[in-house]
Amino acid sequence: MNMRSIYRKIAKEQGITVEEVKRQMQAAIDDAYLKSNKAEGVSHFQKSIPYQGQIPTTEEFIASIADKILLQKKGNKPQ
């Protein structure tokens, strides 16, 4: 399933537009990365997500999580 399909499926299920799905997802990622008082495990996890800018995009975040899940299913430990 590609990102476009994921956004459309979520939008349909939630009764909102694809643009709103993207905005809400990015807002949640931004909030998590900008929050100063986070647990050590959360900080470690966030550092394991590769991204180009200051904060990961929804696409970067989801792609990284998907890769980690696939690695776990194959029996490899994600980094």
PDB file of N, CA and C in Angstrom:
ATOM      1  N   MET A   1       0.859  -1.182   0.000  1.00  0.00           N
ATOM      2  CA  MET A   1       0.000   0.000   0.000  1.00  0.00           C
ATOM      3  C   MET A   1       0.899   1.237   0.000  1.00  0.00           C
ATOM      4  N   ASN A   2       0.631   2.172  -0.895  1.00  0.00           N
ATOM      5  CA  ASN A   2       1.442   3.380  -0.950  1.00  0.00           C
ATOM      6  C   ASN A   2       0.877   4.465  -0.025  1.00  0.00           C
ATOM      7  N   MET A   3       1.622   5.534   0.150  1.00  0.00           N
ATOM      8  CA  MET A   3       1.228   6.595   1.079  1.00  0.00           C
ATOM      9  C   MET A   3      -0.108   7.223   0.680  1.00  0.00           C
ATOM     10  N   ARG A   4      -0.305   7.416  -0.591  1.00  0.00           N
ATOM     11  CA  ARG A   4      -1.543   8.032  -1.052  1.00  0.00           C
ATOM     12  C   ARG A   4      -2.750   7.187  -0.637  1.00  0.00           C
ATOM     13  N   SER A   5      -2.626   5.879  -0.794  1.00  0.00           N
ATOM     14  CA  SER A   5      -3.708   4.971  -0.401  1.00  0.00           C
ATOM     15  C   SER A   5      -3.942   4.999   1.100  1.00  0.00           C
ATOM     16  N   ILE A   6      -2.862   5.071   1.846  1.00  0.00           N
ATOM     17  CA  ILE A   6      -2.972   5.130   3.311  1.00  0.00           C
ATOM     18  C   ILE A   6      -3.731   6.383   3.735  1.00  0.00           C
ATOM     19  N   TYR A   7      -3.328   7.526   3.170  1.00  0.00           N
ATOM     20  CA  TYR A   7      -4.005   8.783   3.504  1.00  0.00           C
ATOM     21  C   TYR A   7      -5.491   8.727   3.134  1.00  0.00           C
ATOM     22  N   ARG A   8      -5.789   8.213   1.948  1.00  0.00           N
ATOM     23  CA  ARG A   8      -7.189   8.133   1.510  1.00  0.00           C
ATOM     24  C   ARG A   8      -8.014   7.223   2.418  1.00  0.00           C
ATOM     25  N   LYS A   9      -7.438   6.088   2.802  1.00  0.00           N
ATOM     26  CA  LYS A   9      -8.157   5.149   3.667  1.00  0.00           C
ATOM     27  C   LYS A   9      -8.462   5.789   5.025  1.00  0.00           C
ATOM     28  N   ILE A  10      -7.463   6.445   5.601  1.00  0.00           N
ATOM     29  CA  ILE A  10      -7.662   7.107   6.900  1.00  0.00           C
ATOM     30  C   ILE A  10      -8.697   8.219   6.766  1.00  0.00           C
ATOM     31  N   ALA A  11      -8.582   9.016   5.712  1.00  0.00           N
ATOM     32  CA  ALA A  11      -9.522  10.125   5.509  1.00  0.00           C
ATOM     33  C   ALA A  11     -10.952   9.608   5.404  1.00  0.00           C
ATOM     34  N   LYS A  12     -11.137   8.553   4.654  1.00  0.00           N
ATOM     35  CA  LYS A  12     -12.474   7.986   4.488  1.00  0.00           C
ATOM     36  C   LYS A  12     -13.011   7.472   5.816  1.00  0.00           C
ATOM     37  N   GLU A  13     -12.171   6.752   6.560  1.00  0.00           N
ATOM     38  CA  GLU A  13     -12.596   6.201   7.848  1.00  0.00           C
ATOM     39  C   GLU A  13     -12.950   7.296   8.849  1.00  0.00           C
ATOM     40  N   GLN A  14     -12.230   8.424   8.782  1.00  0.00           N
ATOM     41  CA  GLN A  14     -12.437   9.506   9.747  1.00  0.00           C
ATOM     42  C   GLN A  14     -13.421  10.566   9.263  1.00  0.00           C
ATOM     43  N   GLY A  15     -13.820  10.479   7.995  1.00  0.00           N
ATOM     44  CA  GLY A  15     -14.765  11.456   7.457  1.00  0.00           C
ATOM     45  C   GLY A  15     -14.150  12.834   7.275  1.00  0.00           C
ATOM     46  N   ILE A  16     -12.855  12.876   6.935  1.00  0.00           N
ATOM     47  CA  ILE A  16     -12.162  14.139   6.722  1.00  0.00           C
ATOM     48  C   ILE A  16     -11.412  14.073   5.389  1.00  0.00           C
ATOM     49  N   THR A  17     -10.796  15.177   4.995  1.00  0.00           N
ATOM     50  CA  THR A  17     -10.067  15.211   3.732  1.00  0.00           C
ATOM     51  C   THR A  17      -8.659  14.626   3.907  1.00  0.00           C
ATOM     52  N   VAL A  18      -8.066  14.258   2.799  1.00  0.00           N
ATOM     53  CA  VAL A  18      -6.683  13.763   2.811  1.00  0.00           C
ATOM     54  C   VAL A  18      -5.755  14.842   3.356  1.00  0.00           C
ATOM     55  N   GLU A  19      -5.985  16.087   2.974  1.00  0.00           N
ATOM     56  CA  GLU A  19      -5.151  17.194   3.447  1.00  0.00           C
ATOM     57  C   GLU A  19      -5.213  17.327   4.967  1.00  0.00           C
ATOM     58  N   GLU A  20      -6.418  17.128   5.516  1.00  0.00           N
ATOM     59  CA  GLU A  20      -6.569  17.198   6.978  1.00  0.00           C
ATOM     60  C   GLU A  20      -5.845  16.044   7.661  1.00  0.00           C
ATOM     61  N   VAL A  21      -5.886  14.871   7.056  1.00  0.00           N
ATOM     62  CA  VAL A  21      -5.137  13.728   7.600  1.00  0.00           C
ATOM     63  C   VAL A  21      -3.657  14.077   7.659  1.00  0.00           C
ATOM     64  N   LYS A  22      -3.127  14.596   6.563  1.00  0.00           N
ATOM     65  CA  LYS A  22      -1.702  14.950   6.515  1.00  0.00           C
ATOM     66  C   LYS A  22      -1.365  16.013   7.555  1.00  0.00           C
ATOM     67  N   ARG A  23      -2.227  17.040   7.666  1.00  0.00           N
ATOM     68  CA  ARG A  23      -1.978  18.110   8.642  1.00  0.00           C
ATOM     69  C   ARG A  23      -1.982  17.570  10.071  1.00  0.00           C
ATOM     70  N   GLN A  24      -2.965  16.721  10.381  1.00  0.00           N
ATOM     71  CA  GLN A  24      -3.050  16.184  11.736  1.00  0.00           C
ATOM     72  C   GLN A  24      -1.872  15.266  12.062  1.00  0.00           C
ATOM     73  N   MET A  25      -1.485  14.450  11.101  1.00  0.00           N
ATOM     74  CA  MET A  25      -0.340  13.560  11.332  1.00  0.00           C
ATOM     75  C   MET A  25       0.933  14.367  11.536  1.00  0.00           C
ATOM     76  N   GLN A  26       1.147  15.384  10.691  1.00  0.00           N
ATOM     77  CA  GLN A  26       2.356  16.194  10.824  1.00  0.00           C
ATOM     78  C   GLN A  26       2.345  16.971  12.133  1.00  0.00           C
ATOM     79  N   ALA A  27       1.181  17.461  12.531  1.00  0.00           N
ATOM     80  CA  ALA A  27       1.073  18.189  13.801  1.00  0.00           C
ATOM     81  C   ALA A  27       1.448  17.280  14.972  1.00  0.00           C
ATOM     82  N   ALA A  28       1.015  16.024  14.928  1.00  0.00           N
ATOM     83  CA  ALA A  28       1.344  15.081  16.003  1.00  0.00           C
ATOM     84  C   ALA A  28       2.848  14.792  16.030  1.00  0.00           C
ATOM     85  N   ILE A  29       3.446  14.624  14.867  1.00  0.00           N
ATOM     86  CA  ILE A  29       4.900  14.387  14.800  1.00  0.00           C
ATOM     87  C   ILE A  29       5.644  15.609  15.296  1.00  0.00           C
ATOM     88  N   ASP A  30       5.241  16.794  14.835  1.00  0.00           N
ATOM     89  CA  ASP A  30       5.881  18.039  15.275  1.00  0.00           C
ATOM     90  C   ASP A  30       5.813  18.167  16.793  1.00  0.00           C
ATOM     91  N   ASP A  31       4.646  17.940  17.351  1.00  0.00           N
ATOM     92  CA  ASP A  31       4.450  18.048  18.794  1.00  0.00           C
ATOM     93  C   ASP A  31       5.378  17.092  19.543  1.00  0.00           C
ATOM     94  N   ALA A  32       5.447  15.862  19.063  1.00  0.00           N
ATOM     95  CA  ALA A  32       6.296  14.865  19.727  1.00  0.00           C
ATOM     96  C   ALA A  32       7.774  15.246  19.665  1.00  0.00           C
ATOM     97  N   TYR A  33       8.223  15.771  18.545  1.00  0.00           N
ATOM     98  CA  TYR A  33       9.630  16.105  18.394  1.00  0.00           C
ATOM     99  C   TYR A  33      10.000  17.418  19.085  1.00  0.00           C
ATOM    100  N   LEU A  34       9.061  18.328  19.209  1.00  0.00           N
ATOM    101  CA  LEU A  34       9.348  19.620  19.837  1.00  0.00           C
ATOM    102  C   LEU A  34       9.151  19.613  21.345  1.00  0.00           C
ATOM    103  N   LYS A  35       8.493  18.584  21.861  1.00  0.00           N
ATOM    104  CA  LYS A  35       8.245  18.464  23.296  1.00  0.00           C
ATOM    105  C   LYS A  35       9.587  18.313  24.017  1.00  0.00           C
ATOM    106  N   SER A  36       9.803  19.124  25.033  1.00  0.00           N
ATOM    107  CA  SER A  36      11.105  19.105  25.708  1.00  0.00           C
ATOM    108  C   SER A  36      11.183  18.075  26.838  1.00  0.00           C
ATOM    109  N   ASN A  37      10.086  17.744  27.461  1.00  0.00           N
ATOM    110  CA  ASN A  37      10.122  16.815  28.592  1.00  0.00           C
ATOM    111  C   ASN A  37       9.624  15.436  28.179  1.00  0.00           C
ATOM    112  N   LYS A  38      10.472  14.703  27.471  1.00  0.00           N
ATOM    113  CA  LYS A  38      10.077  13.365  27.029  1.00  0.00           C
ATOM    114  C   LYS A  38      10.966  12.312  27.677  1.00  0.00           C
ATOM    115  N   ALA A  39      10.433  11.126  27.772  1.00  0.00           N
ATOM    116  CA  ALA A  39      11.166  10.022  28.385  1.00  0.00           C
ATOM    117  C   ALA A  39      12.383   9.661  27.542  1.00  0.00           C
ATOM    118  N   GLU A  40      13.361   9.072  28.187  1.00  0.00           N
ATOM    119  CA  GLU A  40      14.596   8.692  27.504  1.00  0.00           C
ATOM    120  C   GLU A  40      14.333   7.726  26.354  1.00  0.00           C
ATOM    121  N   GLY A  41      13.438   6.792  26.547  1.00  0.00           N
ATOM    122  CA  GLY A  41      13.102   5.829  25.495  1.00  0.00           C
ATOM    123  C   GLY A  41      12.504   6.500  24.268  1.00  0.00           C
ATOM    124  N   VAL A  42      11.702   7.529  24.504  1.00  0.00           N
ATOM    125  CA  VAL A  42      11.091   8.271  23.398  1.00  0.00           C
ATOM    126  C   VAL A  42      12.173   9.008  22.622  1.00  0.00           C
ATOM    127  N   SER A  43      13.081   9.658  23.327  1.00  0.00           N
ATOM    128  CA  SER A  43      14.182  10.364  22.662  1.00  0.00           C
ATOM    129  C   SER A  43      15.029   9.406  21.835  1.00  0.00           C
ATOM    130  N   HIS A  44      15.327   8.248  22.403  1.00  0.00           N
ATOM    131  CA  HIS A  44      16.124   7.247  21.687  1.00  0.00           C
ATOM    132  C   HIS A  44      15.397   6.789  20.424  1.00  0.00           C
ATOM    133  N   PHE A  45      14.109   6.524  20.551  1.00  0.00           N
ATOM    134  CA  PHE A  45      13.317   6.093  19.399  1.00  0.00           C
ATOM    135  C   PHE A  45      13.304   7.172  18.321  1.00  0.00           C
ATOM    136  N   GLN A  46      13.084   8.414  18.721  1.00  0.00           N
ATOM    137  CA  GLN A  46      13.036   9.510  17.753  1.00  0.00           C
ATOM    138  C   GLN A  46      14.364   9.664  17.012  1.00  0.00           C
ATOM    139  N   LYS A  47      15.457   9.452  17.707  1.00  0.00           N
ATOM    140  CA  LYS A  47      16.769   9.559  17.064  1.00  0.00           C
ATOM    141  C   LYS A  47      17.005   8.441  16.057  1.00  0.00           C
ATOM    142  N   SER A  48      16.241   7.353  16.162  1.00  0.00           N
ATOM    143  CA  SER A  48      16.414   6.236  15.233  1.00  0.00           C
ATOM    144  C   SER A  48      15.654   6.446  13.921  1.00  0.00           C
ATOM    145  N   ILE A  49      14.850   7.497  13.838  1.00  0.00           N
ATOM    146  CA  ILE A  49      14.081   7.793  12.627  1.00  0.00           C
ATOM    147  C   ILE A  49      14.919   8.699  11.724  1.00  0.00           C
ATOM    148  N   PRO A  50      15.306   8.234  10.529  1.00  0.00           N
ATOM    149  CA  PRO A  50      16.073   9.110   9.629  1.00  0.00           C
ATOM    150  C   PRO A  50      15.173  10.154   8.961  1.00  0.00           C
ATOM    151  N   TYR A  51      15.663  11.380   8.886  1.00  0.00           N
ATOM    152  CA  TYR A  51      14.911  12.445   8.226  1.00  0.00           C
ATOM    153  C   TYR A  51      15.852  13.528   7.740  1.00  0.00           C
ATOM    154  N   GLN A  52      15.373  14.311   6.771  1.00  0.00           N
ATOM    155  CA  GLN A  52      16.199  15.324   6.119  1.00  0.00           C
ATOM    156  C   GLN A  52      16.189  16.667   6.838  1.00  0.00           C
ATOM    157  N   GLY A  53      15.026  17.118   7.273  1.00  0.00           N
ATOM    158  CA  GLY A  53      14.898  18.444   7.882  1.00  0.00           C
ATOM    159  C   GLY A  53      15.063  18.414   9.384  1.00  0.00           C
ATOM    160  N   GLN A  54      14.457  19.398  10.020  1.00  0.00           N
ATOM    161  CA  GLN A  54      14.523  19.512  11.476  1.00  0.00           C
ATOM    162  C   GLN A  54      13.634  18.475  12.162  1.00  0.00           C
ATOM    163  N   ILE A  55      12.507  18.147  11.512  1.00  0.00           N
ATOM    164  CA  ILE A  55      11.533  17.193  12.038  1.00  0.00           C
ATOM    165  C   ILE A  55      11.124  16.291  10.877  1.00  0.00           C
ATOM    166  N   PRO A  56      10.927  14.999  11.119  1.00  0.00           N
ATOM    167  CA  PRO A  56      10.536  14.121  10.009  1.00  0.00           C
ATOM    168  C   PRO A  56       9.166  14.479   9.433  1.00  0.00           C
ATOM    169  N   THR A  57       9.034  14.267   8.138  1.00  0.00           N
ATOM    170  CA  THR A  57       7.729  14.409   7.498  1.00  0.00           C
ATOM    171  C   THR A  57       6.915  13.160   7.824  1.00  0.00           C
ATOM    172  N   THR A  58       5.637  13.215   7.549  1.00  0.00           N
ATOM    173  CA  THR A  58       4.815  12.025   7.785  1.00  0.00           C
ATOM    174  C   THR A  58       5.322  10.862   6.951  1.00  0.00           C
ATOM    175  N   GLU A  59       5.739  11.151   5.715  1.00  0.00           N
ATOM    176  CA  GLU A  59       6.233  10.091   4.839  1.00  0.00           C
ATOM    177  C   GLU A  59       7.508   9.459   5.405  1.00  0.00           C
ATOM    178  N   GLU A  60       8.438  10.294   5.880  1.00  0.00           N
ATOM    179  CA  GLU A  60       9.678   9.777   6.461  1.00  0.00           C
ATOM    180  C   GLU A  60       9.387   8.951   7.705  1.00  0.00           C
ATOM    181  N   PHE A  61       8.489   9.453   8.539  1.00  0.00           N
ATOM    182  CA  PHE A  61       8.165   8.778   9.788  1.00  0.00           C
ATOM    183  C   PHE A  61       7.509   7.424   9.525  1.00  0.00           C
ATOM    184  N   ILE A  62       6.495   7.413   8.675  1.00  0.00           N
ATOM    185  CA  ILE A  62       5.778   6.159   8.387  1.00  0.00           C
ATOM    186  C   ILE A  62       6.690   5.161   7.696  1.00  0.00           C
ATOM    187  N   ALA A  63       7.497   5.624   6.746  1.00  0.00           N
ATOM    188  CA  ALA A  63       8.414   4.716   6.042  1.00  0.00           C
ATOM    189  C   ALA A  63       9.384   4.067   7.022  1.00  0.00           C
ATOM    190  N   SER A  64       9.891   4.839   7.956  1.00  0.00           N
ATOM    191  CA  SER A  64      10.831   4.306   8.932  1.00  0.00           C
ATOM    192  C   SER A  64      10.160   3.280   9.846  1.00  0.00           C
ATOM    193  N   ILE A  65       8.955   3.587  10.297  1.00  0.00           N
ATOM    194  CA  ILE A  65       8.221   2.657  11.157  1.00  0.00           C
ATOM    195  C   ILE A  65       7.920   1.370  10.387  1.00  0.00           C
ATOM    196  N   ALA A  66       7.492   1.512   9.139  1.00  0.00           N
ATOM    197  CA  ALA A  66       7.195   0.335   8.317  1.00  0.00           C
ATOM    198  C   ALA A  66       8.440  -0.535   8.151  1.00  0.00           C
ATOM    199  N   ASP A  67       9.593   0.095   7.915  1.00  0.00           N
ATOM    200  CA  ASP A  67      10.846  -0.660   7.795  1.00  0.00           C
ATOM    201  C   ASP A  67      11.162  -1.411   9.084  1.00  0.00           C
ATOM    202  N   LYS A  68      10.965  -0.754  10.216  1.00  0.00           N
ATOM    203  CA  LYS A  68      11.236  -1.397  11.506  1.00  0.00           C
ATOM    204  C   LYS A  68      10.315  -2.604  11.722  1.00  0.00           C
ATOM    205  N   ILE A  69       9.064  -2.454  11.357  1.00  0.00           N
ATOM    206  CA  ILE A  69       8.113  -3.563  11.504  1.00  0.00           C
ATOM    207  C   ILE A  69       8.505  -4.733  10.609  1.00  0.00           C
ATOM    208  N   LEU A  70       8.866  -4.439   9.365  1.00  0.00           N
ATOM    209  CA  LEU A  70       9.290  -5.504   8.446  1.00  0.00           C
ATOM    210  C   LEU A  70      10.526  -6.227   8.966  1.00  0.00           C
ATOM    211  N   LEU A  71      11.480  -5.475   9.513  1.00  0.00           N
ATOM    212  CA  LEU A  71      12.680  -6.096  10.074  1.00  0.00           C
ATOM    213  C   LEU A  71      12.323  -7.006  11.245  1.00  0.00           C
ATOM    214  N   GLN A  72      11.421  -6.563  12.099  1.00  0.00           N
ATOM    215  CA  GLN A  72      11.005  -7.386  13.231  1.00  0.00           C
ATOM    216  C   GLN A  72      10.314  -8.659  12.766  1.00  0.00           C
ATOM    217  N   LYS A  73       9.492  -8.548  11.739  1.00  0.00           N
ATOM    218  CA  LYS A  73       8.807  -9.731  11.214  1.00  0.00           C
ATOM    219  C   LYS A  73       9.796 -10.731  10.629  1.00  0.00           C
ATOM    220  N   LYS A  74      10.897 -10.228  10.082  1.00  0.00           N
ATOM    221  CA  LYS A  74      11.916 -11.112   9.507  1.00  0.00           C
ATOM    222  C   LYS A  74      12.869 -11.658  10.574  1.00  0.00           C
ATOM    223  N   GLY A  75      12.693 -11.193  11.795  1.00  0.00           N
ATOM    224  CA  GLY A  75      13.529 -11.675  12.878  1.00  0.00           C
ATOM    225  C   GLY A  75      14.798 -10.887  13.108  1.00  0.00           C
ATOM    226  N   ASN A  76      14.935  -9.766  12.386  1.00  0.00           N
ATOM    227  CA  ASN A  76      16.095  -8.887  12.592  1.00  0.00           C
ATOM    228  C   ASN A  76      15.702  -7.775  13.534  1.00  0.00           C
ATOM    229  N   LYS A  77      16.639  -7.373  14.363  1.00  0.00           N
ATOM    230  CA  LYS A  77      16.363  -6.291  15.298  1.00  0.00           C
ATOM    231  C   LYS A  77      16.593  -4.954  14.598  1.00  0.00           C
ATOM    232  N   PRO A  78      15.573  -4.035  14.606  1.00  0.00           N
ATOM    233  CA  PRO A  78      15.770  -2.729  13.990  1.00  0.00           C
ATOM    234  C   PRO A  78      16.760  -1.906  14.774  1.00  0.00           C
ATOM    235  N   GLN A  79      17.390  -0.973  14.092  1.00  0.00           N
ATOM    236  CA  GLN A  79      18.404  -0.121  14.738  1.00  0.00           C
ATOM    237  C   GLN A  79      17.762   1.047  15.434  1.00  0.00           C
TER     238      GLN A  79
END
